[in-house]
C-alpha atoms as a PDB file:
ATOM      1  CA  MET A   1       0.000   0.000   0.000  1.00  0.00           C
ATOM      2  CA  ALA A   2       1.380   3.390  -1.026  1.00  0.00           C
ATOM      3  CA  ALA A   3       0.351   6.738   0.433  1.00  0.00           C
ATOM      4  CA  ALA A   4       1.124  10.377  -0.316  1.00  0.00           C
ATOM      5  CA  ARG A   5       0.096  13.927   0.537  1.00  0.00           C
ATOM      6  CA  PHE A   6      -0.328  16.358  -2.336  1.00  0.00           C
ATOM      7  CA  PHE A   7      -0.627  20.130  -2.258  1.00  0.00           C
ATOM      8  CA  VAL A   8      -2.259  21.290  -5.486  1.00  0.00           C
ATOM      9  CA  SER A   9      -1.880  24.948  -6.528  1.00  0.00           C
ATOM     10  CA  GLY A  10      -3.592  26.963  -9.228  1.00  0.00           C
ATOM     11  CA  ARG A  11      -7.283  27.558  -9.870  1.00  0.00           C
ATOM     12  CA  VAL A  12      -8.379  24.566  -7.811  1.00  0.00           C
ATOM     13  CA  GLN A  13     -11.050  25.954  -5.478  1.00  0.00           C
ATOM     14  CA  GLY A  14     -14.607  26.607  -6.635  1.00  0.00           C
ATOM     15  CA  VAL A  15     -14.190  24.400  -9.724  1.00  0.00           C
ATOM     16  CA  TYR A  16     -15.369  21.030  -8.305  1.00  0.00           C
ATOM     17  CA  PHE A  17     -11.783  19.882  -7.826  1.00  0.00           C
ATOM     18  CA  ARG A  18     -12.451  18.040  -4.559  1.00  0.00           C
ATOM     19  CA  ALA A  19     -15.629  16.341  -5.796  1.00  0.00           C
ATOM     20  CA  SER A  20     -13.933  15.329  -9.032  1.00  0.00           C
ATOM     21  CA  ALA A  21     -10.912  14.045  -7.101  1.00  0.00           C
ATOM     22  CA  ARG A  22     -13.248  11.936  -4.949  1.00  0.00           C
ATOM     23  CA  ASP A  23     -14.925  10.465  -8.052  1.00  0.00           C
ATOM     24  CA  ARG A  24     -11.580   9.640  -9.675  1.00  0.00           C
ATOM     25  CA  ALA A  25     -10.122   8.226  -6.462  1.00  0.00           C
ATOM     26  CA  LEU A  26     -13.093   5.951  -5.868  1.00  0.00           C
ATOM     27  CA  ALA A  27     -12.993   4.748  -9.492  1.00  0.00           C
ATOM     28  CA  LEU A  28      -9.319   3.830  -8.998  1.00  0.00           C
ATOM     29  CA  GLY A  29      -9.749   2.254  -5.555  1.00  0.00           C
ATOM     30  CA  VAL A  30      -7.824   5.056  -3.837  1.00  0.00           C
ATOM     31  CA  SER A  31      -8.901   6.230  -0.379  1.00  0.00           C
ATOM     32  CA  GLY A  32      -8.196   9.396   1.593  1.00  0.00           C
ATOM     33  CA  TYR A  33      -9.485  12.950   1.489  1.00  0.00           C
ATOM     34  CA  ALA A  34      -9.295  16.326  -0.250  1.00  0.00           C
ATOM     35  CA  ARG A  35      -9.765  19.653   1.491  1.00  0.00           C
ATOM     36  CA  ASN A  36      -9.476  23.328   0.628  1.00  0.00           C
ATOM     37  CA  LEU A  37      -6.767  25.304   2.394  1.00  0.00           C
ATOM     38  CA  ALA A  38      -7.006  28.964   3.370  1.00  0.00           C
ATOM     39  CA  ASP A  39      -4.151  29.864   0.996  1.00  0.00           C
ATOM     40  CA  GLY A  40      -6.115  28.703  -2.085  1.00  0.00           C
ATOM     41  CA  ARG A  41      -4.484  25.299  -2.470  1.00  0.00           C
ATOM     42  CA  VAL A  42      -6.137  21.901  -2.145  1.00  0.00           C
ATOM     43  CA  GLU A  43      -4.568  19.298   0.130  1.00  0.00           C
ATOM     44  CA  VAL A  44      -5.091  15.711  -0.993  1.00  0.00           C
ATOM     45  CA  VAL A  45      -4.129  12.684   1.090  1.00  0.00           C
ATOM     46  CA  ALA A  46      -4.380   9.456  -0.876  1.00  0.00           C
ATOM     47  CA  GLU A  47      -3.496   5.829  -0.360  1.00  0.00           C
ATOM     48  CA  GLY A  48      -3.890   2.677  -2.385  1.00  0.00           C
ATOM     49  CA  GLU A  49      -2.018   0.326  -4.648  1.00  0.00           C
ATOM     50  CA  ALA A  50       1.061   1.977  -6.174  1.00  0.00           C
ATOM     51  CA  ALA A  51      -0.260   1.790  -9.764  1.00  0.00           C
ATOM     52  CA  ALA A  52      -3.638   3.290  -8.770  1.00  0.00           C
ATOM     53  CA  LEU A  53      -1.921   6.048  -6.795  1.00  0.00           C
ATOM     54  CA  ALA A  54       0.257   6.855  -9.814  1.00  0.00           C
ATOM     55  CA  GLN A  55      -2.839   7.135 -12.027  1.00  0.00           C
ATOM     56  CA  PHE A  56      -4.541   9.336  -9.452  1.00  0.00           C
ATOM     57  CA  GLU A  57      -1.484  11.600  -9.248  1.00  0.00           C
ATOM     58  CA  GLN A  58      -1.493  11.907 -13.030  1.00  0.00           C
ATOM     59  CA  TRP A  59      -5.137  13.009 -12.876  1.00  0.00           C
ATOM     60  CA  LEU A  60      -4.305  15.573 -10.156  1.00  0.00           C
ATOM     61  CA  HIS A  61      -1.975  17.301 -12.619  1.00  0.00           C
ATOM     62  CA  GLU A  62      -4.986  17.973 -14.857  1.00  0.00           C
ATOM     63  CA  GLY A  63      -7.986  18.104 -12.525  1.00  0.00           C
ATOM     64  CA  PRO A  64     -11.531  18.725 -13.767  1.00  0.00           C
ATOM     65  CA  PRO A  65     -12.161  20.821 -16.904  1.00  0.00           C
ATOM     66  CA  ALA A  66     -12.650  24.154 -15.068  1.00  0.00           C
ATOM     67  CA  ALA A  67      -9.450  23.796 -13.019  1.00  0.00           C
ATOM     68  CA  ARG A  68      -5.977  25.047 -13.846  1.00  0.00           C
ATOM     69  CA  VAL A  69      -3.270  23.154 -12.001  1.00  0.00           C
ATOM     70  CA  ASP A  70      -0.042  25.158 -11.794  1.00  0.00           C
ATOM     71  CA  ARG A  71       1.940  23.059  -9.337  1.00  0.00           C
ATOM     72  CA  ILE A  72       1.785  19.906  -7.263  1.00  0.00           C
ATOM     73  CA  GLU A  73       3.957  19.141  -4.247  1.00  0.00           C
ATOM     74  CA  ARG A  74       4.078  15.462  -3.259  1.00  0.00           C
ATOM     75  CA  THR A  75       5.282  14.014   0.021  1.00  0.00           C
ATOM     76  CA  ALA A  76       5.363  10.283   0.747  1.00  0.00           C
ATOM     77  CA  MET A  77       3.747   9.232   3.993  1.00  0.00           C
ATOM     78  CA  PRO A  78       2.771   6.023   5.772  1.00  0.00           C
ATOM     79  CA  ALA A  79      -0.694   4.667   5.006  1.00  0.00           C
ATOM     80  CA  GLN A  80      -3.281   5.693   7.598  1.00  0.00           C
ATOM     81  CA  GLY A  81      -5.938   3.098   6.790  1.00  0.00           C
ATOM     82  CA  HIS A  82      -8.445   5.514   5.248  1.00  0.00           C
ATOM     83  CA  ARG A  83     -11.677   4.030   3.958  1.00  0.00           C
ATOM     84  CA  GLY A  84     -13.499   5.765   1.137  1.00  0.00           C
ATOM     85  CA  PHE A  85     -12.648   9.277   0.041  1.00  0.00           C
ATOM     86  CA  ASP A  86     -13.830  12.318   1.970  1.00  0.00           C
ATOM     87  CA  THR A  87     -14.145  15.912   0.806  1.00  0.00           C
ATOM     88  CA  ARG A  88     -13.660  18.120   3.855  1.00  0.00           C
END
């Protein structure tokens, strides 16, 4: 099981980024959460099989159609045992 924390910058709030991330994560079997941060970024914590996590990360670089992703910071972390995918 692989896990990572992502900080996604750009036009990522108010464009259904978190809801779209949840849909993509669940389709890939990835669990975790996405939440808006006060500085305009979205924090995403995700865990799952390495191949699924890689596909999810690739999607994060694009996001939903209305989003504009400028930068992603990734940090590896130990799996926390999340179930499902929450949008906080």
